[in-house]
Amino acid sequence: MATVNEKKAKNAGKGAPKSNEEIIQGFQRLRTEQRQLANKLSELEMDLNEHKLVIETLQGVDVDRKCFRMVGGVLVERTVKEVLPALTTNRDQMVKLIEALNNQITTKGQEINDFKEKNNIRIRNQNEIPSSGSGETEGENKVANQGVLVEAKP
């Protein structure tokens, strides 16, 4: 005999209508994921700029000159001819990773838009004209301090 929780889990997996709280949680999870991707992208772009600056500086230096490189939190003494190819490789890999992250952010944005459309979500204070002409309708459900509105489907 199935318990109440097992029945709910089965119904949730079969496309049962989601509650407003579940919809909002799903929407906010997607937004959080997109924000995390954007933060990682920003971090990588800063690292890329640092790599470019160091490569630019080392290109004008004698190849036998010693330099220091941070490897896993440890400062290691090397020569310019050993460090420069590694930095160039890292820079090229970062460029590819940044492109991949940009694609992921675009995909996540599309996923968020699809989710908003599917679940009839509108964001408060967004510069959109309400479709009904009035600010609120009867079927509109509000969640306090969330900034997300979920309209009941007709």
N, C-alpha and C. Protein backbone atom coordinates (compact mmCIF):
# COMPACT_ATOMS: atom_id res chain seq x y z
N MET A 1 0.84 -1.17 0.00
CA MET A 1 0.00 0.00 0.00
C MET A 1 0.89 1.24 0.00
N ALA A 2 0.62 2.17 -0.90
CA ALA A 2 1.45 3.36 -1.07
C ALA A 2 1.07 4.42 -0.05
N THR A 3 2.10 5.12 0.43
CA THR A 3 1.85 6.21 1.37
C THR A 3 1.44 7.46 0.61
N VAL A 4 1.03 8.46 1.35
CA VAL A 4 0.59 9.71 0.74
C VAL A 4 1.75 10.36 -0.01
N ASN A 5 2.96 10.36 0.57
CA ASN A 5 4.12 10.97 -0.08
C ASN A 5 4.49 10.25 -1.37
N GLU A 6 4.39 8.92 -1.37
CA GLU A 6 4.70 8.16 -2.59
C GLU A 6 3.70 8.50 -3.69
N LYS A 7 2.43 8.67 -3.33
CA LYS A 7 1.42 9.04 -4.32
C LYS A 7 1.70 10.42 -4.88
N LYS A 8 2.10 11.37 -4.02
CA LYS A 8 2.42 12.71 -4.48
C LYS A 8 3.61 12.68 -5.43
N ALA A 9 4.61 11.86 -5.09
CA ALA A 9 5.79 11.77 -5.94
C ALA A 9 5.43 11.19 -7.30
N LYS A 10 4.55 10.20 -7.32
CA LYS A 10 4.13 9.61 -8.59
C LYS A 10 3.35 10.62 -9.42
N ASN A 11 2.44 11.35 -8.78
CA ASN A 11 1.64 12.35 -9.49
C ASN A 11 2.50 13.49 -9.99
N ALA A 12 3.49 13.90 -9.22
CA ALA A 12 4.36 15.00 -9.64
C ALA A 12 5.16 14.60 -10.87
N GLY A 13 5.56 13.37 -10.96
CA GLY A 13 6.33 12.89 -12.11
C GLY A 13 5.50 12.73 -13.35
N LYS A 14 4.17 12.63 -13.20
CA LYS A 14 3.30 12.39 -14.35
C LYS A 14 2.70 13.66 -14.93
N GLY A 15 3.28 14.81 -14.60
CA GLY A 15 2.81 16.06 -15.21
C GLY A 15 1.62 16.65 -14.50
N ALA A 16 1.44 16.32 -13.24
CA ALA A 16 0.37 16.92 -12.46
C ALA A 16 0.64 18.41 -12.36
N PRO A 17 -0.40 19.23 -12.28
CA PRO A 17 -0.18 20.67 -12.20
C PRO A 17 0.63 21.03 -10.96
N LYS A 18 1.58 21.91 -11.15
CA LYS A 18 2.45 22.32 -10.06
C LYS A 18 1.77 23.43 -9.27
N SER A 19 2.08 23.48 -7.99
CA SER A 19 1.57 24.58 -7.18
C SER A 19 2.37 25.84 -7.49
N ASN A 20 1.83 26.98 -7.10
CA ASN A 20 2.51 28.25 -7.36
C ASN A 20 3.89 28.27 -6.71
N GLU A 21 3.99 27.70 -5.51
CA GLU A 21 5.28 27.69 -4.81
C GLU A 21 6.30 26.87 -5.59
N GLU A 22 5.89 25.73 -6.13
CA GLU A 22 6.80 24.89 -6.91
C GLU A 22 7.24 25.60 -8.19
N ILE A 23 6.32 26.31 -8.81
CA ILE A 23 6.65 27.06 -10.03
C ILE A 23 7.65 28.15 -9.72
N ILE A 24 7.41 28.87 -8.63
CA ILE A 24 8.32 29.96 -8.25
C ILE A 24 9.69 29.42 -7.88
N GLN A 25 9.72 28.30 -7.16
CA GLN A 25 11.00 27.70 -6.80
C GLN A 25 11.77 27.27 -8.05
N GLY A 26 11.07 26.68 -9.00
CA GLY A 26 11.71 26.27 -10.25
C GLY A 26 12.25 27.46 -11.01
N PHE A 27 11.46 28.53 -11.06
CA PHE A 27 11.88 29.75 -11.76
C PHE A 27 13.10 30.37 -11.08
N GLN A 28 13.07 30.45 -9.76
CA GLN A 28 14.19 31.05 -9.05
C GLN A 28 15.44 30.17 -9.13
N ARG A 29 15.27 28.86 -9.19
CA ARG A 29 16.41 27.96 -9.37
C ARG A 29 17.08 28.22 -10.71
N LEU A 30 16.26 28.40 -11.76
CA LEU A 30 16.81 28.70 -13.09
C LEU A 30 17.55 30.03 -13.08
N ARG A 31 16.98 31.03 -12.43
CA ARG A 31 17.64 32.34 -12.36
C ARG A 31 18.95 32.26 -11.58
N THR A 32 18.97 31.47 -10.51
CA THR A 32 20.19 31.30 -9.72
C THR A 32 21.27 30.62 -10.55
N GLU A 33 20.89 29.60 -11.31
CA GLU A 33 21.85 28.92 -12.17
C GLU A 33 22.43 29.88 -13.20
N GLN A 34 21.56 30.72 -13.78
CA GLN A 34 22.04 31.68 -14.77
C GLN A 34 22.99 32.69 -14.12
N ARG A 35 22.67 33.13 -12.92
CA ARG A 35 23.52 34.07 -12.19
C ARG A 35 24.89 33.44 -11.89
N GLN A 36 24.90 32.18 -11.51
CA GLN A 36 26.16 31.48 -11.23
C GLN A 36 27.01 31.38 -12.49
N LEU A 37 26.37 31.07 -13.61
CA LEU A 37 27.11 31.02 -14.87
C LEU A 37 27.71 32.38 -15.22
N ALA A 38 26.93 33.43 -14.99
CA ALA A 38 27.42 34.78 -15.28
C ALA A 38 28.59 35.14 -14.37
N ASN A 39 28.52 34.75 -13.11
CA ASN A 39 29.63 35.02 -12.18
C ASN A 39 30.89 34.28 -12.61
N LYS A 40 30.73 33.03 -13.01
CA LYS A 40 31.88 32.24 -13.46
C LYS A 40 32.47 32.87 -14.73
N LEU A 41 31.61 33.32 -15.63
CA LEU A 41 32.07 33.97 -16.85
C LEU A 41 32.87 35.22 -16.52
N SER A 42 32.38 36.01 -15.61
CA SER A 42 33.08 37.23 -15.21
C SER A 42 34.45 36.91 -14.62
N GLU A 43 34.50 35.90 -13.79
CA GLU A 43 35.76 35.47 -13.18
C GLU A 43 36.76 35.01 -14.24
N LEU A 44 36.28 34.23 -15.20
CA LEU A 44 37.17 33.75 -16.27
C LEU A 44 37.66 34.89 -17.16
N GLU A 45 36.81 35.87 -17.41
CA GLU A 45 37.22 37.00 -18.23
C GLU A 45 38.31 37.81 -17.53
N MET A 46 38.21 37.95 -16.20
CA MET A 46 39.26 38.64 -15.46
C MET A 46 40.57 37.85 -15.53
N ASP A 47 40.49 36.52 -15.37
CA ASP A 47 41.69 35.69 -15.49
C ASP A 47 42.29 35.79 -16.88
N LEU A 48 41.45 35.81 -17.89
CA LEU A 48 41.93 35.93 -19.26
C LEU A 48 42.67 37.25 -19.46
N ASN A 49 42.13 38.33 -18.93
CA ASN A 49 42.80 39.62 -19.05
C ASN A 49 44.16 39.61 -18.34
N GLU A 50 44.24 38.95 -17.19
CA GLU A 50 45.52 38.83 -16.49
C GLU A 50 46.51 38.03 -17.32
N HIS A 51 46.06 36.93 -17.90
CA HIS A 51 46.94 36.11 -18.74
C HIS A 51 47.45 36.93 -19.93
N LYS A 52 46.56 37.67 -20.56
CA LYS A 52 46.97 38.49 -21.71
C LYS A 52 48.02 39.51 -21.31
N LEU A 53 47.82 40.14 -20.16
CA LEU A 53 48.75 41.15 -19.68
C LEU A 53 50.13 40.53 -19.40
N VAL A 54 50.15 39.38 -18.75
CA VAL A 54 51.42 38.71 -18.43
C VAL A 54 52.11 38.25 -19.71
N ILE A 55 51.37 37.68 -20.65
CA ILE A 55 51.94 37.24 -21.93
C ILE A 55 52.54 38.42 -22.66
N GLU A 56 51.81 39.52 -22.70
CA GLU A 56 52.29 40.73 -23.36
C GLU A 56 53.59 41.23 -22.71
N THR A 57 53.65 41.17 -21.40
CA THR A 57 54.85 41.62 -20.68
C THR A 57 56.03 40.69 -20.93
N LEU A 58 55.79 39.39 -20.93
CA LEU A 58 56.88 38.43 -21.08
C LEU A 58 57.41 38.35 -22.51
N GLN A 59 56.64 38.76 -23.48
CA GLN A 59 57.11 38.68 -24.87
C GLN A 59 58.26 39.63 -25.14
N GLY A 60 58.39 40.67 -24.36
CA GLY A 60 59.48 41.62 -24.56
C GLY A 60 60.68 41.33 -23.69
N VAL A 61 60.72 40.16 -23.07
CA VAL A 61 61.78 39.83 -22.12
C VAL A 61 62.65 38.71 -22.69
N ASP A 62 63.92 38.69 -22.28
CA ASP A 62 64.86 37.63 -22.67
C ASP A 62 64.30 36.27 -22.24
N VAL A 63 64.34 35.27 -23.12
CA VAL A 63 63.74 33.95 -22.85
C VAL A 63 64.46 33.17 -21.76
N ASP A 64 65.73 33.51 -21.48
CA ASP A 64 66.47 32.80 -20.43
C ASP A 64 66.33 33.46 -19.06
N ARG A 65 65.62 34.55 -19.00
CA ARG A 65 65.42 35.25 -17.74
C ARG A 65 64.51 34.42 -16.85
N LYS A 66 64.82 34.41 -15.55
CA LYS A 66 63.98 33.62 -14.67
C LYS A 66 62.73 34.41 -14.29
N CYS A 67 61.67 33.68 -14.10
CA CYS A 67 60.41 34.28 -13.66
C CYS A 67 59.75 33.31 -12.69
N PHE A 68 58.73 33.77 -12.04
CA PHE A 68 58.05 32.94 -11.05
C PHE A 68 56.61 32.75 -11.46
N ARG A 69 56.13 31.53 -11.21
CA ARG A 69 54.76 31.18 -11.60
C ARG A 69 54.09 30.49 -10.43
N MET A 70 52.83 30.82 -10.21
CA MET A 70 52.07 30.20 -9.15
C MET A 70 51.44 28.92 -9.69
N VAL A 71 51.81 27.78 -9.07
CA VAL A 71 51.27 26.49 -9.48
C VAL A 71 50.63 25.84 -8.25
N GLY A 72 49.32 25.78 -8.25
CA GLY A 72 48.60 25.15 -7.14
C GLY A 72 48.88 25.80 -5.80
N GLY A 73 49.04 27.11 -5.78
CA GLY A 73 49.29 27.82 -4.53
C GLY A 73 50.76 27.87 -4.13
N VAL A 74 51.61 27.30 -4.95
CA VAL A 74 53.05 27.31 -4.67
C VAL A 74 53.75 28.13 -5.73
N LEU A 75 54.64 29.01 -5.31
CA LEU A 75 55.40 29.84 -6.23
C LEU A 75 56.59 29.04 -6.72
N VAL A 76 56.70 28.88 -8.05
CA VAL A 76 57.73 28.04 -8.65
C VAL A 76 58.62 28.91 -9.54
N GLU A 77 59.93 28.68 -9.45
CA GLU A 77 60.87 29.42 -10.29
C GLU A 77 61.03 28.70 -11.63
N ARG A 78 60.86 29.43 -12.71
CA ARG A 78 61.00 28.91 -14.07
C ARG A 78 61.70 29.95 -14.92
N THR A 79 61.86 29.62 -16.20
CA THR A 79 62.37 30.61 -17.15
C THR A 79 61.20 31.06 -18.02
N VAL A 80 61.40 32.18 -18.69
CA VAL A 80 60.36 32.73 -19.55
C VAL A 80 60.00 31.74 -20.65
N LYS A 81 61.01 31.05 -21.22
CA LYS A 81 60.72 30.12 -22.31
C LYS A 81 59.90 28.92 -21.85
N GLU A 82 59.92 28.60 -20.56
CA GLU A 82 59.09 27.51 -20.04
C GLU A 82 57.67 27.99 -19.71
N VAL A 83 57.56 29.21 -19.26
CA VAL A 83 56.27 29.72 -18.79
C VAL A 83 55.40 30.23 -19.93
N LEU A 84 56.01 30.90 -20.90
CA LEU A 84 55.23 31.53 -21.97
C LEU A 84 54.34 30.56 -22.75
N PRO A 85 54.85 29.39 -23.16
CA PRO A 85 53.95 28.45 -23.87
C PRO A 85 52.78 27.96 -23.00
N ALA A 86 53.05 27.75 -21.72
CA ALA A 86 51.98 27.30 -20.82
C ALA A 86 50.91 28.39 -20.67
N LEU A 87 51.34 29.63 -20.55
CA LEU A 87 50.39 30.73 -20.43
C LEU A 87 49.55 30.87 -21.71
N THR A 88 50.20 30.72 -22.84
CA THR A 88 49.49 30.82 -24.12
C THR A 88 48.44 29.72 -24.24
N THR A 89 48.81 28.51 -23.85
CA THR A 89 47.86 27.39 -23.89
C THR A 89 46.68 27.66 -22.95
N ASN A 90 46.98 28.12 -21.74
CA ASN A 90 45.91 28.44 -20.79
C ASN A 90 44.98 29.51 -21.34
N ARG A 91 45.56 30.53 -21.95
CA ARG A 91 44.76 31.62 -22.52
C ARG A 91 43.82 31.08 -23.60
N ASP A 92 44.34 30.23 -24.48
CA ASP A 92 43.52 29.67 -25.55
C ASP A 92 42.38 28.82 -25.00
N GLN A 93 42.68 28.05 -23.95
CA GLN A 93 41.64 27.22 -23.34
C GLN A 93 40.57 28.08 -22.66
N MET A 94 41.02 29.19 -22.06
CA MET A 94 40.06 30.09 -21.41
C MET A 94 39.13 30.72 -22.44
N VAL A 95 39.66 31.07 -23.60
CA VAL A 95 38.82 31.66 -24.65
C VAL A 95 37.73 30.67 -25.06
N LYS A 96 38.10 29.39 -25.22
CA LYS A 96 37.12 28.37 -25.59
C LYS A 96 36.08 28.19 -24.48
N LEU A 97 36.55 28.20 -23.23
CA LEU A 97 35.64 28.03 -22.10
C LEU A 97 34.68 29.21 -21.98
N ILE A 98 35.17 30.41 -22.24
CA ILE A 98 34.32 31.60 -22.19
C ILE A 98 33.24 31.52 -23.27
N GLU A 99 33.60 31.06 -24.45
CA GLU A 99 32.60 30.89 -25.51
C GLU A 99 31.54 29.87 -25.09
N ALA A 100 31.99 28.76 -24.49
CA ALA A 100 31.05 27.73 -24.04
C ALA A 100 30.12 28.30 -22.96
N LEU A 101 30.66 29.07 -22.02
CA LEU A 101 29.83 29.66 -20.97
C LEU A 101 28.83 30.66 -21.55
N ASN A 102 29.26 31.44 -22.54
CA ASN A 102 28.33 32.37 -23.19
C ASN A 102 27.17 31.61 -23.81
N ASN A 103 27.47 30.47 -24.45
CA ASN A 103 26.41 29.65 -25.05
C ASN A 103 25.48 29.09 -23.98
N GLN A 104 26.06 28.66 -22.85
CA GLN A 104 25.24 28.13 -21.76
C GLN A 104 24.34 29.20 -21.17
N ILE A 105 24.86 30.42 -21.04
CA ILE A 105 24.05 31.51 -20.50
C ILE A 105 22.90 31.83 -21.44
N THR A 106 23.18 31.82 -22.75
CA THR A 106 22.12 32.07 -23.74
C THR A 106 21.06 30.97 -23.67
N THR A 107 21.50 29.73 -23.58
CA THR A 107 20.58 28.60 -23.48
C THR A 107 19.74 28.69 -22.21
N LYS A 108 20.39 29.04 -21.10
CA LYS A 108 19.68 29.15 -19.82
C LYS A 108 18.66 30.29 -19.89
N GLY A 109 19.01 31.39 -20.55
CA GLY A 109 18.07 32.50 -20.72
C GLY A 109 16.85 32.07 -21.51
N GLN A 110 17.07 31.29 -22.56
CA GLN A 110 15.95 30.78 -23.37
C GLN A 110 15.09 29.83 -22.54
N GLU A 111 15.76 29.00 -21.72
CA GLU A 111 15.04 28.07 -20.86
C GLU A 111 14.17 28.83 -19.85
N ILE A 112 14.71 29.92 -19.32
CA ILE A 112 13.95 30.75 -18.38
C ILE A 112 12.75 31.37 -19.07
N ASN A 113 12.96 31.90 -20.28
CA ASN A 113 11.84 32.50 -21.03
C ASN A 113 10.77 31.47 -21.34
N ASP A 114 11.19 30.26 -21.73
CA ASP A 114 10.21 29.20 -22.00
C ASP A 114 9.44 28.83 -20.74
N PHE A 115 10.15 28.75 -19.62
CA PHE A 115 9.52 28.42 -18.34
C PHE A 115 8.51 29.50 -17.96
N LYS A 116 8.91 30.78 -18.15
CA LYS A 116 7.99 31.88 -17.85
C LYS A 116 6.74 31.79 -18.70
N GLU A 117 6.92 31.52 -20.00
CA GLU A 117 5.78 31.44 -20.92
C GLU A 117 4.90 30.25 -20.57
N LYS A 118 5.51 29.11 -20.31
CA LYS A 118 4.76 27.88 -20.03
C LYS A 118 3.92 28.02 -18.76
N ASN A 119 4.49 28.66 -17.74
CA ASN A 119 3.82 28.78 -16.46
C ASN A 119 3.16 30.14 -16.24
N ASN A 120 3.13 30.96 -17.30
CA ASN A 120 2.45 32.25 -17.26
C ASN A 120 2.98 33.13 -16.11
N ILE A 121 4.29 33.32 -16.09
CA ILE A 121 4.95 34.09 -15.03
C ILE A 121 5.24 35.49 -15.55
N ARG A 122 4.96 36.47 -14.69
CA ARG A 122 5.34 37.85 -14.99
C ARG A 122 6.13 38.37 -13.80
N ILE A 123 7.13 39.19 -14.06
CA ILE A 123 7.95 39.76 -13.01
C ILE A 123 7.39 41.13 -12.63
N ARG A 124 7.28 41.40 -11.36
CA ARG A 124 6.79 42.71 -10.91
C ARG A 124 7.80 43.77 -11.30
N ASN A 125 7.30 44.97 -11.54
CA ASN A 125 8.11 46.14 -11.87
C ASN A 125 8.91 45.95 -13.16
N GLN A 126 8.51 44.98 -13.97
CA GLN A 126 9.15 44.80 -15.26
C GLN A 126 8.47 45.73 -16.24
N ASN A 127 9.21 46.27 -17.17
CA ASN A 127 8.66 47.26 -18.10
C ASN A 127 7.83 46.60 -19.19
N GLU A 128 6.79 45.92 -18.77
CA GLU A 128 5.86 45.30 -19.72
C GLU A 128 4.48 45.87 -19.46
N ILE A 129 3.69 45.98 -20.49
CA ILE A 129 2.32 46.45 -20.37
C ILE A 129 1.45 45.23 -20.07
N PRO A 130 0.68 45.26 -18.99
CA PRO A 130 -0.17 44.12 -18.67
C PRO A 130 -1.16 43.83 -19.80
N SER A 131 -1.39 42.57 -20.08
CA SER A 131 -2.25 42.19 -21.19
C SER A 131 -3.71 42.52 -20.93
N SER A 132 -4.14 42.53 -19.66
CA SER A 132 -5.54 42.77 -19.36
C SER A 132 -5.88 44.26 -19.32
N GLY A 133 -4.88 45.11 -19.29
CA GLY A 133 -5.13 46.53 -19.24
C GLY A 133 -5.17 47.06 -17.83
N SER A 134 -5.57 46.23 -16.86
CA SER A 134 -5.57 46.66 -15.47
C SER A 134 -4.37 46.04 -14.77
N GLY A 135 -4.05 46.58 -13.63
CA GLY A 135 -2.86 46.12 -12.91
C GLY A 135 -3.00 44.71 -12.38
N GLU A 136 -4.21 44.33 -11.94
CA GLU A 136 -4.40 43.01 -11.35
C GLU A 136 -5.68 42.38 -11.88
N THR A 137 -5.68 41.08 -11.96
CA THR A 137 -6.88 40.34 -12.36
C THR A 137 -7.25 39.38 -11.24
N GLU A 138 -8.44 38.81 -11.30
CA GLU A 138 -8.88 37.90 -10.26
C GLU A 138 -8.01 36.67 -10.14
N GLY A 139 -7.62 36.10 -11.26
CA GLY A 139 -6.87 34.85 -11.25
C GLY A 139 -5.40 35.01 -10.94
N GLU A 140 -4.98 36.21 -10.64
CA GLU A 140 -3.56 36.44 -10.43
C GLU A 140 -3.19 36.11 -8.99
N ASN A 141 -2.14 35.31 -8.81
CA ASN A 141 -1.67 34.96 -7.48
C ASN A 141 -0.37 35.67 -7.21
N LYS A 142 -0.24 36.29 -6.04
CA LYS A 142 0.98 37.03 -5.70
C LYS A 142 1.71 36.30 -4.60
N VAL A 143 3.01 36.37 -4.64
CA VAL A 143 3.83 35.84 -3.58
C VAL A 143 4.56 37.02 -2.97
N ALA A 144 4.40 37.23 -1.68
CA ALA A 144 4.95 38.41 -1.01
C ALA A 144 6.46 38.43 -1.10
N ASN A 145 7.01 39.58 -1.41
CA ASN A 145 8.45 39.86 -1.44
C ASN A 145 9.22 39.01 -2.44
N GLN A 146 8.56 38.32 -3.33
CA GLN A 146 9.24 37.49 -4.30
C GLN A 146 9.45 38.21 -5.62
N GLY A 147 8.56 39.12 -5.97
CA GLY A 147 8.69 39.83 -7.24
C GLY A 147 8.24 39.00 -8.42
N VAL A 148 7.60 37.86 -8.18
CA VAL A 148 7.17 36.97 -9.25
C VAL A 148 5.67 36.79 -9.16
N LEU A 149 4.99 36.93 -10.26
CA LEU A 149 3.55 36.71 -10.31
C LEU A 149 3.27 35.51 -11.19
N VAL A 150 2.41 34.63 -10.72
CA VAL A 150 2.00 33.48 -11.51
C VAL A 150 0.51 33.59 -11.71
N GLU A 151 0.09 33.68 -12.97
CA GLU A 151 -1.33 33.77 -13.27
C GLU A 151 -1.92 32.38 -13.37
N ALA A 152 -3.13 32.23 -12.86
CA ALA A 152 -3.83 30.96 -12.99
C ALA A 152 -4.23 30.77 -14.43
N LYS A 153 -4.07 29.55 -14.92
CA LYS A 153 -4.43 29.26 -16.31
C LYS A 153 -5.94 29.16 -16.44
N PRO A 154 -6.52 29.72 -17.53
CA PRO A 154 -7.98 29.67 -17.70
C PRO A 154 -8.47 28.27 -17.96
